[in-house]
Amino acid sequence: MASAHTSPAMPRTGLRERKKIRTRQAIRRAAYRLFAERGYDATPVDRIAEAADVSPSTVFRYFPTKEDIVLTDEYDEMLAAAVRARPAGEPPLASVHRAVLDVLGHILEHDPAELRQRTALVHEVPALRGRTAECLAESGRALCAVLAARTGRPADDLELRVLVAAVLGALQETMMHWIERGREGTDADLLALADRALRLLADGLRL
């Protein structure tokens, strides 16, 4: 595992956006509590709204579907900010590698239980697995835009798209591997696994 990480936070936002983030987080936390108690399929959106002390229409305004409650987050913005903060002359894959570990370390420090529950839900619920590719595509576009600005390449550059797809695919497989290990997989293990997966990419996928 790589050495000490910085502690990235959300990019600075205005009061209105911070309120929106807090509302999204309150809905998600209420949903996760209910999913743990009742199961994902047995938890309707109106029950989530009641637990979060908001209306069902508010839930749908922030999360158009129940799947979005699990799959929508602020991590793309955190990763983008972490990549922008890397040294200008650093190779793109190295910048993403460091940024991923920094952001993942921050998440594990502040929301480790939610990350584990979220990953388990994606692993176990077919509806969530079915939406994962769409969410990864959105994350990929966001990361390509950041790397395009750093490298001077167009955002739809093939090499950038392949690099980003490889990174996100490696991270997705890492998360599934971690959650499949169950109680054996600690938070520290996840950081080490992510570092190992990204080093494999940097080494040219040599086994």
N, C-alpha and C. Protein backbone atom coordinates (compact mmCIF):
# COMPACT_ATOMS: atom_id res chain seq x y z
N MET A 1 0.85 -1.20 0.00
CA MET A 1 0.00 0.00 0.00
C MET A 1 0.87 1.24 0.00
N ALA A 2 0.39 2.26 -0.68
CA ALA A 2 1.17 3.49 -0.78
C ALA A 2 1.28 4.18 0.57
N SER A 3 2.15 5.16 0.61
CA SER A 3 2.41 5.86 1.86
C SER A 3 1.27 6.80 2.22
N ALA A 4 1.53 7.69 3.18
CA ALA A 4 0.48 8.53 3.78
C ALA A 4 -0.34 9.26 2.73
N HIS A 5 -1.65 9.37 3.02
CA HIS A 5 -2.57 10.03 2.13
C HIS A 5 -2.94 11.40 2.65
N THR A 6 -3.27 12.28 1.73
CA THR A 6 -3.90 13.52 2.15
C THR A 6 -5.34 13.21 2.51
N SER A 7 -6.10 14.20 2.96
CA SER A 7 -7.49 13.99 3.33
C SER A 7 -8.36 14.89 2.47
N PRO A 8 -8.68 14.45 1.26
CA PRO A 8 -9.47 15.30 0.38
C PRO A 8 -10.86 15.51 0.94
N ALA A 9 -11.42 16.65 0.70
CA ALA A 9 -12.79 16.94 1.10
C ALA A 9 -13.56 17.35 -0.13
N MET A 10 -14.85 17.52 0.02
CA MET A 10 -15.64 18.01 -1.09
C MET A 10 -15.15 19.38 -1.52
N PRO A 11 -15.16 19.66 -2.83
CA PRO A 11 -14.81 21.00 -3.29
C PRO A 11 -15.71 22.03 -2.63
N ARG A 12 -15.18 23.23 -2.43
CA ARG A 12 -15.95 24.29 -1.77
C ARG A 12 -17.20 24.60 -2.58
N THR A 13 -18.35 24.70 -1.88
CA THR A 13 -19.61 24.95 -2.53
C THR A 13 -20.37 26.03 -1.77
N GLY A 14 -21.40 26.57 -2.41
CA GLY A 14 -22.24 27.57 -1.76
C GLY A 14 -23.19 26.95 -0.76
N LEU A 15 -23.87 27.80 -0.01
CA LEU A 15 -24.78 27.34 1.04
C LEU A 15 -25.88 26.46 0.48
N ARG A 16 -26.47 26.87 -0.64
CA ARG A 16 -27.57 26.09 -1.21
C ARG A 16 -27.12 24.69 -1.59
N GLU A 17 -25.94 24.59 -2.22
CA GLU A 17 -25.45 23.28 -2.62
C GLU A 17 -25.11 22.43 -1.39
N ARG A 18 -24.57 23.05 -0.34
CA ARG A 18 -24.27 22.29 0.88
C ARG A 18 -25.55 21.75 1.50
N LYS A 19 -26.63 22.52 1.45
CA LYS A 19 -27.92 22.04 1.97
C LYS A 19 -28.42 20.85 1.14
N LYS A 20 -28.24 20.94 -0.16
CA LYS A 20 -28.64 19.82 -1.01
C LYS A 20 -27.86 18.56 -0.68
N ILE A 21 -26.56 18.74 -0.47
CA ILE A 21 -25.72 17.59 -0.13
C ILE A 21 -26.18 16.98 1.19
N ARG A 22 -26.48 17.83 2.19
CA ARG A 22 -26.93 17.31 3.48
C ARG A 22 -28.26 16.56 3.34
N THR A 23 -29.16 17.08 2.50
CA THR A 23 -30.44 16.39 2.29
C THR A 23 -30.22 15.05 1.62
N ARG A 24 -29.36 15.00 0.59
CA ARG A 24 -29.05 13.74 -0.06
C ARG A 24 -28.47 12.74 0.92
N GLN A 25 -27.56 13.22 1.76
CA GLN A 25 -26.93 12.32 2.73
C GLN A 25 -27.94 11.81 3.75
N ALA A 26 -28.86 12.67 4.18
CA ALA A 26 -29.88 12.24 5.15
C ALA A 26 -30.78 11.16 4.55
N ILE A 27 -31.16 11.34 3.29
CA ILE A 27 -31.98 10.33 2.62
C ILE A 27 -31.22 9.02 2.49
N ARG A 28 -29.96 9.11 2.08
CA ARG A 28 -29.17 7.89 1.92
C ARG A 28 -29.01 7.16 3.24
N ARG A 29 -28.70 7.89 4.31
CA ARG A 29 -28.49 7.24 5.60
C ARG A 29 -29.76 6.57 6.11
N ALA A 30 -30.90 7.25 5.92
CA ALA A 30 -32.17 6.64 6.30
C ALA A 30 -32.42 5.37 5.49
N ALA A 31 -32.13 5.45 4.20
CA ALA A 31 -32.33 4.28 3.33
C ALA A 31 -31.45 3.12 3.76
N TYR A 32 -30.18 3.40 4.05
CA TYR A 32 -29.28 2.32 4.44
C TYR A 32 -29.71 1.67 5.75
N ARG A 33 -30.22 2.47 6.69
CA ARG A 33 -30.72 1.90 7.95
C ARG A 33 -31.87 0.94 7.66
N LEU A 34 -32.77 1.36 6.81
CA LEU A 34 -33.93 0.52 6.50
C LEU A 34 -33.54 -0.70 5.67
N PHE A 35 -32.60 -0.53 4.75
CA PHE A 35 -32.15 -1.68 3.98
C PHE A 35 -31.54 -2.74 4.90
N ALA A 36 -30.80 -2.29 5.91
CA ALA A 36 -30.19 -3.23 6.85
C ALA A 36 -31.25 -3.95 7.68
N GLU A 37 -32.31 -3.23 8.03
CA GLU A 37 -33.36 -3.81 8.87
C GLU A 37 -34.33 -4.68 8.09
N ARG A 38 -34.75 -4.20 6.90
CA ARG A 38 -35.85 -4.83 6.17
C ARG A 38 -35.43 -5.51 4.88
N GLY A 39 -34.25 -5.16 4.37
CA GLY A 39 -33.83 -5.63 3.06
C GLY A 39 -34.15 -4.60 2.00
N TYR A 40 -33.39 -4.62 0.92
CA TYR A 40 -33.55 -3.61 -0.13
C TYR A 40 -34.92 -3.71 -0.79
N ASP A 41 -35.30 -4.89 -1.24
CA ASP A 41 -36.55 -5.04 -1.98
C ASP A 41 -37.77 -4.76 -1.12
N ALA A 42 -37.69 -4.97 0.19
CA ALA A 42 -38.83 -4.79 1.07
C ALA A 42 -38.95 -3.37 1.61
N THR A 43 -38.11 -2.46 1.14
CA THR A 43 -38.12 -1.08 1.64
C THR A 43 -38.65 -0.15 0.56
N PRO A 44 -39.90 0.35 0.69
CA PRO A 44 -40.44 1.27 -0.31
C PRO A 44 -39.91 2.69 -0.12
N VAL A 45 -39.99 3.47 -1.15
CA VAL A 45 -39.48 4.84 -1.10
C VAL A 45 -40.24 5.68 -0.09
N ASP A 46 -41.55 5.46 0.05
CA ASP A 46 -42.29 6.29 1.01
C ASP A 46 -41.84 6.04 2.43
N ARG A 47 -41.40 4.81 2.72
CA ARG A 47 -40.87 4.53 4.06
C ARG A 47 -39.52 5.21 4.26
N ILE A 48 -38.70 5.27 3.22
CA ILE A 48 -37.42 5.98 3.29
C ILE A 48 -37.67 7.46 3.53
N ALA A 49 -38.65 8.03 2.82
CA ALA A 49 -38.97 9.45 3.00
C ALA A 49 -39.39 9.73 4.44
N GLU A 50 -40.24 8.87 4.98
CA GLU A 50 -40.67 9.06 6.37
C GLU A 50 -39.49 9.01 7.33
N ALA A 51 -38.59 8.06 7.14
CA ALA A 51 -37.44 7.92 8.03
C ALA A 51 -36.49 9.11 7.91
N ALA A 52 -36.41 9.71 6.72
CA ALA A 52 -35.54 10.86 6.50
C ALA A 52 -36.22 12.18 6.81
N ASP A 53 -37.51 12.12 7.17
CA ASP A 53 -38.30 13.31 7.50
C ASP A 53 -38.40 14.26 6.30
N VAL A 54 -38.62 13.68 5.14
CA VAL A 54 -38.88 14.46 3.94
C VAL A 54 -40.07 13.83 3.22
N SER A 55 -40.57 14.49 2.21
CA SER A 55 -41.68 13.95 1.44
C SER A 55 -41.16 12.98 0.37
N PRO A 56 -42.02 12.04 -0.09
CA PRO A 56 -41.59 11.17 -1.19
C PRO A 56 -41.17 11.95 -2.43
N SER A 57 -41.85 13.08 -2.69
CA SER A 57 -41.47 13.88 -3.86
C SER A 57 -40.06 14.44 -3.70
N THR A 58 -39.67 14.75 -2.46
CA THR A 58 -38.30 15.23 -2.23
C THR A 58 -37.29 14.12 -2.51
N VAL A 59 -37.60 12.91 -2.07
CA VAL A 59 -36.71 11.79 -2.37
C VAL A 59 -36.53 11.65 -3.88
N PHE A 60 -37.65 11.69 -4.62
CA PHE A 60 -37.56 11.51 -6.07
C PHE A 60 -36.90 12.70 -6.76
N ARG A 61 -36.96 13.87 -6.15
CA ARG A 61 -36.27 15.02 -6.72
C ARG A 61 -34.76 14.83 -6.66
N TYR A 62 -34.28 14.23 -5.59
CA TYR A 62 -32.84 14.00 -5.44
C TYR A 62 -32.41 12.68 -6.08
N PHE A 63 -33.29 11.69 -6.03
CA PHE A 63 -32.97 10.35 -6.54
C PHE A 63 -34.15 9.86 -7.37
N PRO A 64 -34.08 9.95 -8.70
CA PRO A 64 -35.21 9.59 -9.54
C PRO A 64 -35.70 8.15 -9.37
N THR A 65 -34.81 7.24 -8.97
CA THR A 65 -35.20 5.85 -8.71
C THR A 65 -34.60 5.41 -7.39
N LYS A 66 -35.13 4.31 -6.84
CA LYS A 66 -34.58 3.79 -5.59
C LYS A 66 -33.13 3.36 -5.78
N GLU A 67 -32.81 2.83 -6.95
CA GLU A 67 -31.43 2.43 -7.21
C GLU A 67 -30.48 3.61 -7.09
N ASP A 68 -30.94 4.80 -7.48
CA ASP A 68 -30.07 5.98 -7.42
C ASP A 68 -29.69 6.35 -5.99
N ILE A 69 -30.51 5.97 -5.02
CA ILE A 69 -30.16 6.27 -3.62
C ILE A 69 -28.85 5.59 -3.25
N VAL A 70 -28.65 4.40 -3.76
CA VAL A 70 -27.42 3.65 -3.47
C VAL A 70 -26.28 4.08 -4.40
N LEU A 71 -26.59 4.33 -5.65
CA LEU A 71 -25.53 4.52 -6.64
C LEU A 71 -25.09 5.96 -6.85
N THR A 72 -25.84 6.93 -6.36
CA THR A 72 -25.48 8.34 -6.52
C THR A 72 -24.67 8.81 -5.32
N ASP A 73 -23.58 9.52 -5.57
CA ASP A 73 -22.75 10.02 -4.47
C ASP A 73 -22.00 11.26 -4.93
N GLU A 74 -21.13 11.77 -4.05
CA GLU A 74 -20.31 12.94 -4.38
C GLU A 74 -18.87 12.56 -4.69
N TYR A 75 -18.61 11.28 -4.88
CA TYR A 75 -17.23 10.83 -5.00
C TYR A 75 -16.58 11.24 -6.31
N ASP A 76 -17.37 11.37 -7.39
CA ASP A 76 -16.78 11.82 -8.65
C ASP A 76 -16.16 13.21 -8.50
N GLU A 77 -16.86 14.08 -7.78
CA GLU A 77 -16.34 15.44 -7.57
C GLU A 77 -15.09 15.41 -6.71
N MET A 78 -15.07 14.54 -5.70
CA MET A 78 -13.89 14.41 -4.86
C MET A 78 -12.70 13.91 -5.66
N LEU A 79 -12.93 12.90 -6.51
CA LEU A 79 -11.84 12.36 -7.31
C LEU A 79 -11.33 13.39 -8.30
N ALA A 80 -12.25 14.12 -8.93
CA ALA A 80 -11.83 15.16 -9.87
C ALA A 80 -10.96 16.20 -9.18
N ALA A 81 -11.37 16.63 -7.99
CA ALA A 81 -10.59 17.63 -7.26
C ALA A 81 -9.22 17.08 -6.87
N ALA A 82 -9.19 15.80 -6.48
CA ALA A 82 -7.91 15.19 -6.09
C ALA A 82 -6.97 15.06 -7.28
N VAL A 83 -7.50 14.75 -8.46
CA VAL A 83 -6.65 14.66 -9.66
C VAL A 83 -6.12 16.04 -10.03
N ARG A 84 -6.99 17.05 -9.96
CA ARG A 84 -6.54 18.42 -10.29
C ARG A 84 -5.43 18.89 -9.36
N ALA A 85 -5.42 18.39 -8.13
CA ALA A 85 -4.43 18.82 -7.14
C ALA A 85 -3.06 18.15 -7.34
N ARG A 86 -2.97 17.13 -8.19
CA ARG A 86 -1.71 16.44 -8.40
C ARG A 86 -0.74 17.33 -9.20
N PRO A 87 0.57 17.10 -9.10
CA PRO A 87 1.55 17.90 -9.84
C PRO A 87 1.29 17.89 -11.34
N ALA A 88 1.48 19.02 -11.97
CA ALA A 88 1.11 19.20 -13.38
C ALA A 88 1.83 18.23 -14.31
N GLY A 89 3.09 17.93 -14.03
CA GLY A 89 3.86 17.08 -14.94
C GLY A 89 3.75 15.60 -14.66
N GLU A 90 2.94 15.20 -13.71
CA GLU A 90 2.81 13.79 -13.34
C GLU A 90 2.07 13.01 -14.44
N PRO A 91 2.51 11.79 -14.75
CA PRO A 91 1.78 10.99 -15.75
C PRO A 91 0.33 10.78 -15.33
N PRO A 92 -0.60 10.78 -16.29
CA PRO A 92 -2.02 10.69 -15.94
C PRO A 92 -2.39 9.50 -15.07
N LEU A 93 -1.87 8.31 -15.39
CA LEU A 93 -2.23 7.14 -14.59
C LEU A 93 -1.70 7.27 -13.17
N ALA A 94 -0.51 7.84 -13.01
CA ALA A 94 0.04 8.04 -11.67
C ALA A 94 -0.83 9.03 -10.89
N SER A 95 -1.28 10.08 -11.54
CA SER A 95 -2.15 11.05 -10.86
C SER A 95 -3.45 10.42 -10.42
N VAL A 96 -4.06 9.63 -11.29
CA VAL A 96 -5.31 8.97 -10.93
C VAL A 96 -5.08 7.96 -9.81
N HIS A 97 -3.98 7.22 -9.89
CA HIS A 97 -3.64 6.24 -8.86
C HIS A 97 -3.58 6.91 -7.49
N ARG A 98 -2.83 7.98 -7.39
CA ARG A 98 -2.69 8.67 -6.10
C ARG A 98 -4.02 9.26 -5.66
N ALA A 99 -4.75 9.85 -6.60
CA ALA A 99 -6.03 10.48 -6.26
C ALA A 99 -7.03 9.44 -5.77
N VAL A 100 -7.09 8.30 -6.42
CA VAL A 100 -8.01 7.24 -5.99
C VAL A 100 -7.70 6.79 -4.56
N LEU A 101 -6.43 6.58 -4.27
CA LEU A 101 -6.07 6.14 -2.92
C LEU A 101 -6.38 7.22 -1.88
N ASP A 102 -6.15 8.46 -2.23
CA ASP A 102 -6.46 9.55 -1.30
C ASP A 102 -7.97 9.62 -1.01
N VAL A 103 -8.77 9.56 -2.07
CA VAL A 103 -10.22 9.66 -1.89
C VAL A 103 -10.76 8.42 -1.18
N LEU A 104 -10.28 7.26 -1.56
CA LEU A 104 -10.74 6.04 -0.90
C LEU A 104 -10.36 6.04 0.58
N GLY A 105 -9.17 6.52 0.89
CA GLY A 105 -8.77 6.64 2.29
C GLY A 105 -9.67 7.59 3.05
N HIS A 106 -10.06 8.70 2.41
CA HIS A 106 -10.96 9.66 3.04
C HIS A 106 -12.32 9.04 3.31
N ILE A 107 -12.85 8.29 2.32
CA ILE A 107 -14.15 7.64 2.50
C ILE A 107 -14.09 6.62 3.63
N LEU A 108 -13.04 5.83 3.67
CA LEU A 108 -12.91 4.81 4.72
C LEU A 108 -12.76 5.44 6.09
N GLU A 109 -12.18 6.63 6.14
CA GLU A 109 -12.04 7.33 7.43
C GLU A 109 -13.38 7.86 7.92
N HIS A 110 -14.22 8.31 7.00
CA HIS A 110 -15.45 9.00 7.40
C HIS A 110 -16.71 8.15 7.27
N ASP A 111 -16.78 7.25 6.29
CA ASP A 111 -18.00 6.46 6.07
C ASP A 111 -17.70 5.00 5.76
N PRO A 112 -16.91 4.32 6.59
CA PRO A 112 -16.55 2.94 6.24
C PRO A 112 -17.74 1.98 6.22
N ALA A 113 -18.66 2.12 7.17
CA ALA A 113 -19.81 1.21 7.23
C ALA A 113 -20.70 1.40 6.02
N GLU A 114 -20.91 2.66 5.61
CA GLU A 114 -21.76 2.92 4.46
C GLU A 114 -21.13 2.38 3.18
N LEU A 115 -19.81 2.53 3.05
CA LEU A 115 -19.14 2.01 1.86
C LEU A 115 -19.27 0.50 1.79
N ARG A 116 -19.10 -0.18 2.92
CA ARG A 116 -19.22 -1.64 2.94
C ARG A 116 -20.66 -2.06 2.60
N GLN A 117 -21.65 -1.38 3.20
CA GLN A 117 -23.04 -1.73 2.94
C GLN A 117 -23.40 -1.46 1.48
N ARG A 118 -22.96 -0.34 0.98
CA ARG A 118 -23.25 0.01 -0.41
C ARG A 118 -22.66 -1.03 -1.35
N THR A 119 -21.41 -1.42 -1.12
CA THR A 119 -20.76 -2.40 -1.99
C THR A 119 -21.47 -3.74 -1.91
N ALA A 120 -21.89 -4.13 -0.70
CA ALA A 120 -22.61 -5.38 -0.53
C ALA A 120 -23.94 -5.36 -1.28
N LEU A 121 -24.63 -4.22 -1.24
CA LEU A 121 -25.90 -4.10 -1.95
C LEU A 121 -25.70 -4.24 -3.46
N VAL A 122 -24.69 -3.58 -3.99
CA VAL A 122 -24.40 -3.69 -5.42
C VAL A 122 -24.09 -5.14 -5.79
N HIS A 123 -23.38 -5.82 -4.91
CA HIS A 123 -23.00 -7.21 -5.14
C HIS A 123 -24.22 -8.13 -5.12
N GLU A 124 -25.19 -7.83 -4.25
CA GLU A 124 -26.29 -8.76 -3.98
C GLU A 124 -27.57 -8.47 -4.74
N VAL A 125 -27.83 -7.22 -5.11
CA VAL A 125 -29.13 -6.84 -5.68
C VAL A 125 -29.02 -6.71 -7.20
N PRO A 126 -29.72 -7.55 -7.96
CA PRO A 126 -29.61 -7.51 -9.42
C PRO A 126 -29.95 -6.15 -10.02
N ALA A 127 -30.95 -5.46 -9.48
CA ALA A 127 -31.33 -4.15 -10.04
C ALA A 127 -30.18 -3.15 -9.91
N LEU A 128 -29.43 -3.25 -8.83
CA LEU A 128 -28.29 -2.34 -8.64
C LEU A 128 -27.13 -2.73 -9.55
N ARG A 129 -26.87 -4.01 -9.68
CA ARG A 129 -25.81 -4.45 -10.58
C ARG A 129 -26.12 -4.01 -12.00
N GLY A 130 -27.40 -4.05 -12.38
CA GLY A 130 -27.78 -3.67 -13.73
C GLY A 130 -27.55 -2.19 -14.03
N ARG A 131 -27.60 -1.35 -13.00
CA ARG A 131 -27.39 0.08 -13.19
C ARG A 131 -25.94 0.50 -13.05
N THR A 132 -25.09 -0.41 -12.59
CA THR A 132 -23.71 -0.03 -12.30
C THR A 132 -22.96 0.43 -13.55
N ALA A 133 -23.19 -0.24 -14.67
CA ALA A 133 -22.48 0.14 -15.89
C ALA A 133 -22.81 1.57 -16.30
N GLU A 134 -24.08 1.95 -16.16
CA GLU A 134 -24.48 3.32 -16.48
C GLU A 134 -23.77 4.34 -15.59
N CYS A 135 -23.69 4.02 -14.29
CA CYS A 135 -23.02 4.93 -13.35
C CYS A 135 -21.52 5.01 -13.61
N LEU A 136 -20.92 3.87 -13.97
CA LEU A 136 -19.49 3.89 -14.29
C LEU A 136 -19.23 4.72 -15.54
N ALA A 137 -20.16 4.67 -16.49
CA ALA A 137 -19.99 5.48 -17.70
C ALA A 137 -20.02 6.97 -17.36
N GLU A 138 -20.91 7.37 -16.46
CA GLU A 138 -20.97 8.78 -16.05
C GLU A 138 -19.69 9.18 -15.32
N SER A 139 -19.20 8.30 -14.44
CA SER A 139 -17.95 8.58 -13.74
C SER A 139 -16.80 8.68 -14.73
N GLY A 140 -16.81 7.82 -15.73
CA GLY A 140 -15.77 7.84 -16.74
C GLY A 140 -15.73 9.14 -17.52
N ARG A 141 -16.90 9.65 -17.88
CA ARG A 141 -16.94 10.92 -18.61
C ARG A 141 -16.40 12.06 -17.76
N ALA A 142 -16.73 12.05 -16.47
CA ALA A 142 -16.25 13.10 -15.58
C ALA A 142 -14.72 13.04 -15.44
N LEU A 143 -14.18 11.84 -15.28
CA LEU A 143 -12.74 11.70 -15.12
C LEU A 143 -12.01 12.01 -16.43
N CYS A 144 -12.59 11.62 -17.56
CA CYS A 144 -11.98 11.96 -18.85
C CYS A 144 -11.88 13.47 -19.02
N ALA A 145 -12.91 14.19 -18.59
CA ALA A 145 -12.89 15.65 -18.73
C ALA A 145 -11.75 16.25 -17.92
N VAL A 146 -11.52 15.75 -16.73
CA VAL A 146 -10.43 16.26 -15.89
C VAL A 146 -9.08 15.95 -16.53
N LEU A 147 -8.91 14.73 -16.99
CA LEU A 147 -7.63 14.36 -17.60
C LEU A 147 -7.41 15.08 -18.93
N ALA A 148 -8.48 15.36 -19.65
CA ALA A 148 -8.36 16.12 -20.89
C ALA A 148 -7.80 17.51 -20.62
N ALA A 149 -8.29 18.14 -19.56
CA ALA A 149 -7.81 19.47 -19.21
C ALA A 149 -6.34 19.44 -18.80
N ARG A 150 -5.91 18.35 -18.17
CA ARG A 150 -4.51 18.24 -17.73
C ARG A 150 -3.57 17.91 -18.88
N THR A 151 -4.04 17.15 -19.85
CA THR A 151 -3.16 16.64 -20.90
C THR A 151 -3.27 17.40 -22.21
N GLY A 152 -4.32 18.20 -22.38
CA GLY A 152 -4.54 18.88 -23.65
C GLY A 152 -5.18 18.01 -24.70
N ARG A 153 -5.55 16.79 -24.35
CA ARG A 153 -6.25 15.90 -25.28
C ARG A 153 -7.75 16.21 -25.26
N PRO A 154 -8.48 15.86 -26.31
CA PRO A 154 -9.93 16.02 -26.27
C PRO A 154 -10.54 15.03 -25.27
N ALA A 155 -11.70 15.38 -24.73
CA ALA A 155 -12.33 14.54 -23.70
C ALA A 155 -12.75 13.18 -24.23
N ASP A 156 -12.97 13.08 -25.58
CA ASP A 156 -13.37 11.80 -26.15
C ASP A 156 -12.18 11.06 -26.78
N ASP A 157 -10.97 11.48 -26.43
CA ASP A 157 -9.76 10.83 -26.92
C ASP A 157 -9.77 9.34 -26.56
N LEU A 158 -9.47 8.50 -27.52
CA LEU A 158 -9.55 7.05 -27.31
C LEU A 158 -8.63 6.59 -26.18
N GLU A 159 -7.38 7.09 -26.21
CA GLU A 159 -6.44 6.65 -25.17
C GLU A 159 -6.92 7.04 -23.78
N LEU A 160 -7.46 8.25 -23.64
CA LEU A 160 -7.99 8.66 -22.35
C LEU A 160 -9.15 7.76 -21.93
N ARG A 161 -10.05 7.47 -22.86
CA ARG A 161 -11.20 6.65 -22.54
C ARG A 161 -10.77 5.24 -22.12
N VAL A 162 -9.79 4.70 -22.79
CA VAL A 162 -9.31 3.36 -22.43
C VAL A 162 -8.66 3.38 -21.05
N LEU A 163 -7.82 4.39 -20.80
CA LEU A 163 -7.18 4.50 -19.48
C LEU A 163 -8.23 4.59 -18.37
N VAL A 164 -9.20 5.48 -18.54
CA VAL A 164 -10.22 5.68 -17.52
C VAL A 164 -11.07 4.42 -17.34
N ALA A 165 -11.46 3.78 -18.45
CA ALA A 165 -12.26 2.56 -18.36
C ALA A 165 -11.49 1.46 -17.63
N ALA A 166 -10.19 1.36 -17.89
CA ALA A 166 -9.37 0.35 -17.22
C ALA A 166 -9.30 0.61 -15.72
N VAL A 167 -9.12 1.88 -15.35
CA VAL A 167 -9.05 2.23 -13.93
C VAL A 167 -10.37 1.93 -13.23
N LEU A 168 -11.48 2.37 -13.81
CA LEU A 168 -12.77 2.17 -13.16
C LEU A 168 -13.16 0.70 -13.13
N GLY A 169 -12.83 -0.03 -14.19
CA GLY A 169 -13.09 -1.47 -14.18
C GLY A 169 -12.28 -2.19 -13.13
N ALA A 170 -11.02 -1.80 -12.99
CA ALA A 170 -10.16 -2.41 -11.97
C ALA A 170 -10.69 -2.11 -10.57
N LEU A 171 -11.15 -0.89 -10.35
CA LEU A 171 -11.69 -0.53 -9.03
C LEU A 171 -12.98 -1.28 -8.74
N GLN A 172 -13.84 -1.43 -9.75
CA GLN A 172 -15.09 -2.17 -9.55
C GLN A 172 -14.80 -3.62 -9.17
N GLU A 173 -13.89 -4.26 -9.86
CA GLU A 173 -13.53 -5.64 -9.53
C GLU A 173 -12.87 -5.72 -8.15
N THR A 174 -12.09 -4.71 -7.81
CA THR A 174 -11.47 -4.68 -6.48
C THR A 174 -12.53 -4.62 -5.39
N MET A 175 -13.55 -3.76 -5.57
CA MET A 175 -14.60 -3.64 -4.58
C MET A 175 -15.36 -4.95 -4.42
N MET A 176 -15.66 -5.62 -5.54
CA MET A 176 -16.37 -6.89 -5.47
C MET A 176 -15.51 -7.96 -4.79
N HIS A 177 -14.24 -7.98 -5.10
CA HIS A 177 -13.34 -8.94 -4.46
C HIS A 177 -13.29 -8.70 -2.95
N TRP A 178 -13.23 -7.44 -2.56
CA TRP A 178 -13.17 -7.08 -1.14
C TRP A 178 -14.42 -7.52 -0.40
N ILE A 179 -15.59 -7.25 -0.98
CA ILE A 179 -16.83 -7.58 -0.27
C ILE A 179 -17.07 -9.08 -0.26
N GLU A 180 -16.61 -9.77 -1.27
CA GLU A 180 -16.77 -11.23 -1.29
C GLU A 180 -15.95 -11.91 -0.20
N ARG A 181 -14.91 -11.24 0.27
CA ARG A 181 -14.09 -11.80 1.35
C ARG A 181 -14.77 -11.65 2.71
N GLY A 182 -15.86 -10.88 2.75
CA GLY A 182 -16.65 -10.77 3.97
C GLY A 182 -15.86 -10.23 5.13
N ARG A 183 -15.93 -10.92 6.24
CA ARG A 183 -15.27 -10.46 7.47
C ARG A 183 -13.76 -10.46 7.35
N GLU A 184 -13.24 -11.18 6.37
CA GLU A 184 -11.78 -11.21 6.20
C GLU A 184 -11.25 -9.90 5.61
N GLY A 185 -12.11 -9.17 4.91
CA GLY A 185 -11.66 -7.97 4.22
C GLY A 185 -11.82 -6.72 5.08
N THR A 186 -10.72 -6.19 5.59
CA THR A 186 -10.76 -5.00 6.43
C THR A 186 -10.64 -3.74 5.56
N ASP A 187 -10.81 -2.58 6.21
CA ASP A 187 -10.65 -1.32 5.49
C ASP A 187 -9.24 -1.18 4.93
N ALA A 188 -8.25 -1.55 5.75
CA ALA A 188 -6.86 -1.48 5.29
C ALA A 188 -6.65 -2.40 4.10
N ASP A 189 -7.32 -3.57 4.10
CA ASP A 189 -7.20 -4.49 2.98
C ASP A 189 -7.71 -3.84 1.69
N LEU A 190 -8.80 -3.08 1.79
CA LEU A 190 -9.36 -2.45 0.60
C LEU A 190 -8.37 -1.46 -0.01
N LEU A 191 -7.74 -0.66 0.81
CA LEU A 191 -6.73 0.27 0.29
C LEU A 191 -5.58 -0.49 -0.37
N ALA A 192 -5.15 -1.56 0.26
CA ALA A 192 -4.05 -2.34 -0.30
C ALA A 192 -4.46 -3.00 -1.61
N LEU A 193 -5.69 -3.50 -1.67
CA LEU A 193 -6.18 -4.13 -2.90
C LEU A 193 -6.29 -3.11 -4.04
N ALA A 194 -6.79 -1.92 -3.73
CA ALA A 194 -6.91 -0.88 -4.76
C ALA A 194 -5.53 -0.49 -5.27
N ASP A 195 -4.58 -0.33 -4.37
CA ASP A 195 -3.21 0.01 -4.76
C ASP A 195 -2.63 -1.09 -5.64
N ARG A 196 -2.88 -2.34 -5.25
CA ARG A 196 -2.37 -3.49 -6.01
C ARG A 196 -2.98 -3.52 -7.41
N ALA A 197 -4.29 -3.28 -7.52
CA ALA A 197 -4.95 -3.32 -8.82
C ALA A 197 -4.43 -2.22 -9.74
N LEU A 198 -4.23 -1.03 -9.20
CA LEU A 198 -3.75 0.07 -10.03
C LEU A 198 -2.28 -0.10 -10.39
N ARG A 199 -1.51 -0.72 -9.53
CA ARG A 199 -0.12 -1.03 -9.88
C ARG A 199 -0.07 -2.06 -11.01
N LEU A 200 -1.03 -2.98 -11.02
CA LEU A 200 -1.09 -3.97 -12.09
C LEU A 200 -1.31 -3.27 -13.44
N LEU A 201 -2.19 -2.28 -13.45
CA LEU A 201 -2.40 -1.52 -14.68
C LEU A 201 -1.11 -0.80 -15.10
N ALA A 202 -0.48 -0.14 -14.13
CA ALA A 202 0.73 0.61 -14.45
C ALA A 202 1.85 -0.29 -14.94
N ASP A 203 1.82 -1.56 -14.54
CA ASP A 203 2.86 -2.52 -14.92
C ASP A 203 2.51 -3.22 -16.24
N GLY A 204 1.48 -2.73 -16.91
CA GLY A 204 1.12 -3.31 -18.20
C GLY A 204 0.34 -4.60 -18.12
N LEU A 205 -0.36 -4.80 -17.01
CA LEU A 205 -1.19 -6.00 -16.82
C LEU A 205 -0.40 -7.29 -16.90
N ARG A 206 0.86 -7.24 -16.49
CA ARG A 206 1.68 -8.45 -16.50
C ARG A 206 1.38 -9.28 -15.26
N LEU A 207 1.06 -10.55 -15.45
CA LEU A 207 0.74 -11.44 -14.32
C LEU A 207 1.99 -12.18 -13.86
